[in-house]
């Protein structure tokens, strides 16, 4: 029998700071938390003196599992900055900090996004991104971690990125709405790339390609269809992480979304248990 995935929250989509995120996860019934490294315009640094120790203690106190550390500041720097530039040097330093923070928290996954200045627009961007990620994946493997990249690539280019990185510790982080926003069929992406997807999945929803205030499943993101497709392909999700935007402080909406994901996992887990009981 497979274990039901944890329900997690993305800390950077919640009101407050790193510390508030852990307590909020506990109060809303979420079991895990992903945290961002932070940086200019993105909140305090996660690896500031004493912060990681305090968060690790808070997670233990509240029973919240550290799931992953993200390097969202790379969207402001450029993951595929040309080799030899100051931006490329900053990118490597950020990647090391993300990996070290994940290791210190006991989180099994570190991930970096490819949006804004890190968006992969052409083959040159893809190859440069792959080269940086291949280096970072080796650094992740040395720490016993998985490294993932979150992007808006179509199925063919997503497979190409994995093949170019060519590292056993590398994964693609699936977000159920990013493909929709980029005009990509999420079900086709899952079909093409399911074997390389990270064991943590971002859940969010919206309308006409924009994340709004719909409850999860009420938009046009085909959230439950995507999860069903993952399950059908044998993908074992360790965590389903809510990434709708709750920074407005609407905790009732957050609690309802948590409840919807928990109801989904309960139905799936019960169905799978019945299949195993009859076999």
Protein backbone atom coordinates (compact mmCIF):
# COMPACT_ATOMS: atom_id res chain seq x y z
CA UNK A 1 0.00 0.00 0.00
CA UNK A 2 1.38 3.40 -0.95
CA UNK A 3 1.55 6.15 1.65
CA UNK A 4 -0.78 9.10 1.13
CA UNK A 5 1.22 12.20 0.08
CA UNK A 6 1.73 15.02 2.53
CA UNK A 7 -0.22 18.23 1.99
CA UNK A 8 2.26 21.12 1.94
CA UNK A 9 2.36 24.88 1.57
CA UNK A 10 4.71 27.14 -0.41
CA UNK A 11 5.96 29.62 2.17
CA UNK A 12 6.50 32.47 -0.31
CA UNK A 13 2.77 32.47 -1.17
CA UNK A 14 1.71 33.01 2.46
CA UNK A 15 1.41 36.19 4.54
CA UNK A 16 4.34 36.85 6.86
CA UNK A 17 7.90 35.53 6.99
CA UNK A 18 9.62 32.14 7.18
CA UNK A 19 8.72 31.66 10.83
CA UNK A 20 5.06 32.56 10.31
CA UNK A 21 4.88 30.04 7.47
CA UNK A 22 5.68 27.08 9.72
CA UNK A 23 3.08 28.07 12.30
CA UNK A 24 0.51 28.75 9.57
CA UNK A 25 1.07 25.32 8.06
CA UNK A 26 0.36 23.80 11.47
CA UNK A 27 -2.78 25.89 12.07
CA UNK A 28 -4.32 25.11 8.68
CA UNK A 29 -3.67 21.38 8.90
CA UNK A 30 -0.87 21.22 6.34
CA UNK A 31 1.86 18.70 7.07
CA UNK A 32 4.80 20.14 5.15
CA UNK A 33 6.40 23.39 4.06
CA UNK A 34 8.56 24.56 1.17
CA UNK A 35 10.61 27.67 1.93
CA UNK A 36 12.34 30.22 -0.27
CA UNK A 37 15.95 31.29 0.17
CA UNK A 38 14.76 34.92 0.09
CA UNK A 39 16.75 37.92 -1.07
CA UNK A 40 16.15 41.50 -2.22
CA UNK A 41 12.43 42.00 -2.73
CA UNK A 42 11.78 38.42 -1.63
CA UNK A 43 12.01 38.62 2.14
CA UNK A 44 14.77 37.89 4.66
CA UNK A 45 17.49 35.40 3.82
CA UNK A 46 16.62 31.90 4.97
CA UNK A 47 20.25 31.17 5.79
CA UNK A 48 20.76 34.27 7.98
CA UNK A 49 22.43 33.54 11.31
CA UNK A 50 20.17 31.49 13.56
CA UNK A 51 17.24 31.30 11.12
CA UNK A 52 17.68 27.72 9.94
CA UNK A 53 18.11 26.47 13.51
CA UNK A 54 14.94 28.23 14.62
CA UNK A 55 12.91 26.97 11.66
CA UNK A 56 14.15 23.43 12.17
CA UNK A 57 13.11 23.65 15.83
CA UNK A 58 9.70 25.11 14.92
CA UNK A 59 9.10 22.33 12.39
CA UNK A 60 9.89 19.72 15.03
CA UNK A 61 7.66 21.44 17.60
CA UNK A 62 4.65 21.70 15.28
CA UNK A 63 5.15 18.42 13.45
CA UNK A 64 5.65 20.15 10.09
CA UNK A 65 7.98 18.46 7.59
CA UNK A 66 10.56 20.61 5.75
CA UNK A 67 9.96 19.62 2.14
CA UNK A 68 12.19 21.79 -0.04
CA UNK A 69 14.12 25.03 -0.41
CA UNK A 70 13.57 27.20 -3.50
CA UNK A 71 15.91 29.74 -5.08
CA UNK A 72 13.32 32.16 -6.44
CA UNK A 73 15.82 35.01 -6.46
CA UNK A 74 17.34 33.37 -9.55
CA UNK A 75 14.36 34.73 -11.48
CA UNK A 76 15.88 38.16 -10.81
CA UNK A 77 19.47 37.17 -11.68
CA UNK A 78 19.24 34.79 -14.63
CA UNK A 79 19.98 31.09 -14.32
CA UNK A 80 21.46 31.03 -17.82
CA UNK A 81 23.64 34.13 -17.43
CA UNK A 82 26.70 33.86 -19.73
CA UNK A 83 29.69 32.00 -18.30
CA UNK A 84 32.27 34.32 -16.78
CA UNK A 85 29.87 37.15 -15.94
CA UNK A 86 29.14 38.47 -12.46
CA UNK A 87 25.57 37.20 -12.82
CA UNK A 88 26.84 33.68 -13.53
CA UNK A 89 29.02 33.82 -10.42
CA UNK A 90 26.07 35.04 -8.34
CA UNK A 91 23.95 32.22 -9.73
CA UNK A 92 26.40 29.57 -8.56
CA UNK A 93 26.66 31.16 -5.14
CA UNK A 94 22.86 31.20 -4.80
CA UNK A 95 22.63 27.58 -5.90
CA UNK A 96 25.13 26.52 -3.24
CA UNK A 97 23.20 28.46 -0.60
CA UNK A 98 19.92 26.82 -1.65
CA UNK A 99 21.48 23.36 -1.45
CA UNK A 100 23.15 24.03 1.89
CA UNK A 101 19.92 25.43 3.35
CA UNK A 102 17.97 22.34 2.24
CA UNK A 103 20.60 20.10 3.78
CA UNK A 104 20.57 22.05 7.05
CA UNK A 105 16.76 21.84 7.28
CA UNK A 106 16.67 18.15 6.45
CA UNK A 107 14.61 18.83 3.31
CA UNK A 108 15.14 16.23 0.56
CA UNK A 109 14.66 18.60 -2.39
CA UNK A 110 16.13 21.87 -3.65
CA UNK A 111 14.68 23.55 -6.70
CA UNK A 112 15.23 26.54 -8.91
CA UNK A 113 12.81 28.27 -11.28
CA UNK A 114 13.19 29.26 -14.91
CA UNK A 115 10.95 32.32 -15.21
CA UNK A 116 11.47 36.03 -15.89
CA UNK A 117 15.25 36.54 -16.33
CA UNK A 118 15.75 32.78 -16.13
CA UNK A 119 13.07 31.96 -18.71
CA UNK A 120 14.19 29.51 -21.39
CA UNK A 121 13.33 31.24 -24.66
CA UNK A 122 15.60 29.52 -27.17
CA UNK A 123 18.08 26.69 -27.63
CA UNK A 124 20.98 28.76 -26.31
CA UNK A 125 19.08 29.46 -23.09
CA UNK A 126 18.23 25.79 -22.77
CA UNK A 127 21.80 24.58 -23.23
CA UNK A 128 23.25 27.16 -20.87
CA UNK A 129 20.55 26.35 -18.28
CA UNK A 130 21.30 22.65 -18.65
CA UNK A 131 25.02 23.22 -18.12
CA UNK A 132 24.40 25.15 -14.89
CA UNK A 133 21.86 22.60 -13.67
CA UNK A 134 24.22 19.71 -14.44
CA UNK A 135 26.83 21.31 -12.19
CA UNK A 136 24.23 21.99 -9.49
CA UNK A 137 22.87 18.44 -9.73
CA UNK A 138 26.33 17.07 -8.96
CA UNK A 139 26.50 19.39 -5.96
CA UNK A 140 23.04 18.18 -4.87
CA UNK A 141 24.01 14.53 -5.22
CA UNK A 142 27.09 15.12 -3.05
CA UNK A 143 24.72 16.36 -0.33
CA UNK A 144 22.23 13.52 -0.75
CA UNK A 145 19.60 15.79 -2.27
CA UNK A 146 17.48 15.96 -5.39
CA UNK A 147 17.67 19.09 -7.53
CA UNK A 148 14.66 20.15 -9.59
CA UNK A 149 13.92 22.86 -12.12
CA UNK A 150 10.49 24.48 -12.46
CA UNK A 151 9.79 25.83 -15.94
CA UNK A 152 7.12 26.37 -18.59
CA UNK A 153 8.62 24.20 -21.33
CA UNK A 154 6.54 22.15 -23.72
CA UNK A 155 6.92 18.33 -23.55
CA UNK A 156 9.60 18.10 -26.25
CA UNK A 157 11.83 20.79 -24.77
CA UNK A 158 11.28 19.47 -21.25
CA UNK A 159 12.64 16.11 -22.34
CA UNK A 160 15.54 17.84 -24.09
CA UNK A 161 16.45 19.68 -20.89
CA UNK A 162 16.53 16.43 -18.91
CA UNK A 163 18.67 14.78 -21.57
CA UNK A 164 21.09 17.73 -21.64
CA UNK A 165 21.44 17.80 -17.83
CA UNK A 166 21.95 14.02 -17.82
CA UNK A 167 22.20 13.67 -14.04
CA UNK A 168 20.47 11.01 -11.91
CA UNK A 169 19.75 13.54 -9.14
CA UNK A 170 17.93 15.95 -11.49
CA UNK A 171 14.14 16.26 -11.76
CA UNK A 172 11.49 18.51 -13.27
CA UNK A 173 9.15 20.15 -10.76
CA UNK A 174 5.58 19.97 -12.05
CA UNK A 175 3.22 22.85 -11.38
CA UNK A 176 -0.35 22.09 -12.40
CA UNK A 177 -1.04 25.63 -13.68
CA UNK A 178 2.25 26.85 -15.15
CA UNK A 179 1.71 24.76 -18.32
CA UNK A 180 -1.80 26.19 -18.74
CA UNK A 181 -0.45 29.74 -18.38
CA UNK A 182 2.19 28.99 -21.03
CA UNK A 183 -0.27 27.38 -23.45
CA UNK A 184 1.04 23.86 -22.76
CA UNK A 185 -1.21 20.84 -22.20
CA UNK A 186 -0.39 19.62 -18.68
CA UNK A 187 -1.60 16.09 -19.47
CA UNK A 188 0.68 15.88 -22.50
CA UNK A 189 3.57 17.12 -20.37
CA UNK A 190 2.91 14.46 -17.74
CA UNK A 191 2.75 11.78 -20.42
CA UNK A 192 6.08 12.86 -21.91
CA UNK A 193 8.03 13.59 -18.73
CA UNK A 194 6.45 11.61 -15.88
CA UNK A 195 9.52 9.48 -15.23
CA UNK A 196 11.63 12.61 -14.52
CA UNK A 197 9.14 14.50 -12.35
CA UNK A 198 10.09 15.43 -8.80
CA UNK A 199 8.16 13.68 -6.01
CA UNK A 200 6.71 17.03 -4.92
CA UNK A 201 4.04 18.72 -7.06
CA UNK A 202 2.83 22.34 -7.00
CA UNK A 203 -0.95 22.78 -7.07
CA UNK A 204 -2.56 26.02 -8.14
CA UNK A 205 -5.47 27.14 -10.27
CA UNK A 206 -6.74 30.14 -12.19
CA UNK A 207 -8.71 31.36 -15.17
CA UNK A 208 -7.53 32.06 -18.72
CA UNK A 209 -3.91 31.47 -17.78
CA UNK A 210 -3.87 33.80 -14.75
CA UNK A 211 -3.79 32.65 -11.14
CA UNK A 212 -6.69 34.30 -9.38
CA UNK A 213 -8.69 33.61 -6.22
CA UNK A 214 -10.60 30.51 -7.26
CA UNK A 215 -10.54 27.62 -4.88
CA UNK A 216 -8.36 24.79 -6.07
CA UNK A 217 -10.28 22.86 -8.71
CA UNK A 218 -12.72 25.68 -9.53
CA UNK A 219 -10.53 27.21 -12.25
CA UNK A 220 -9.50 25.91 -15.67
CA UNK A 221 -6.25 24.30 -14.53
CA UNK A 222 -7.48 20.67 -14.65
CA UNK A 223 -5.86 20.07 -11.24
CA UNK A 224 -7.57 16.80 -10.41
CA UNK A 225 -7.13 15.51 -13.96
CA UNK A 226 -3.40 16.21 -13.68
CA UNK A 227 -3.16 14.34 -10.40
CA UNK A 228 -5.13 11.44 -11.85
CA UNK A 229 -2.73 11.35 -14.82
CA UNK A 230 0.25 11.24 -12.46
CA UNK A 231 -1.32 8.42 -10.50
CA UNK A 232 -2.12 6.51 -13.69
CA UNK A 233 1.53 6.74 -14.76
CA UNK A 234 2.69 5.37 -11.39
CA UNK A 235 4.16 8.65 -10.17
CA UNK A 236 4.59 8.50 -6.39
CA UNK A 237 3.98 12.00 -5.05
CA UNK A 238 5.55 12.47 -1.63
CA UNK A 239 3.94 15.90 -1.25
CA UNK A 240 1.23 17.98 -2.91
CA UNK A 241 2.13 21.61 -2.27
CA UNK A 242 -0.39 24.46 -2.50
CA UNK A 243 0.99 27.42 -4.44
CA UNK A 244 -2.14 29.52 -4.86
CA UNK A 245 -1.58 33.08 -3.68
CA UNK A 246 -2.68 33.56 -0.07
CA UNK A 247 -0.59 36.64 0.68
CA UNK A 248 -3.78 38.67 1.11
CA UNK A 249 -4.30 36.85 4.41
CA UNK A 250 -7.48 35.00 3.35
CA UNK A 251 -6.86 32.02 5.60
CA UNK A 252 -10.38 30.66 5.12
CA UNK A 253 -9.60 30.14 1.43
CA UNK A 254 -6.28 28.53 2.37
CA UNK A 255 -7.98 26.16 4.81
CA UNK A 256 -10.57 25.20 2.19
CA UNK A 257 -7.84 24.45 -0.35
CA UNK A 258 -5.99 22.31 2.20
CA UNK A 259 -9.23 20.44 2.88
CA UNK A 260 -9.81 19.86 -0.84
CA UNK A 261 -6.35 18.39 -1.34
CA UNK A 262 -6.71 16.24 1.77
CA UNK A 263 -10.08 14.97 0.53
CA UNK A 264 -8.50 14.09 -2.81
CA UNK A 265 -5.64 12.18 -1.20
CA UNK A 266 -8.05 10.40 1.14
CA UNK A 267 -10.19 9.24 -1.79
CA UNK A 268 -7.16 8.07 -3.75
CA UNK A 269 -5.59 6.36 -0.76
CA UNK A 270 -8.85 4.59 0.13
CA UNK A 271 -9.32 3.44 -3.47
CA UNK A 272 -5.77 2.08 -3.65
CA UNK A 273 -6.19 0.33 -0.29
CA UNK A 274 -9.31 -1.38 -1.62
CA UNK A 275 -7.48 -2.52 -4.76
CA UNK A 276 -4.68 -4.04 -2.66
CA UNK A 277 -7.17 -5.69 -0.29
CA UNK A 278 -9.00 -7.42 -3.17
CA UNK A 279 -5.83 -8.55 -4.98
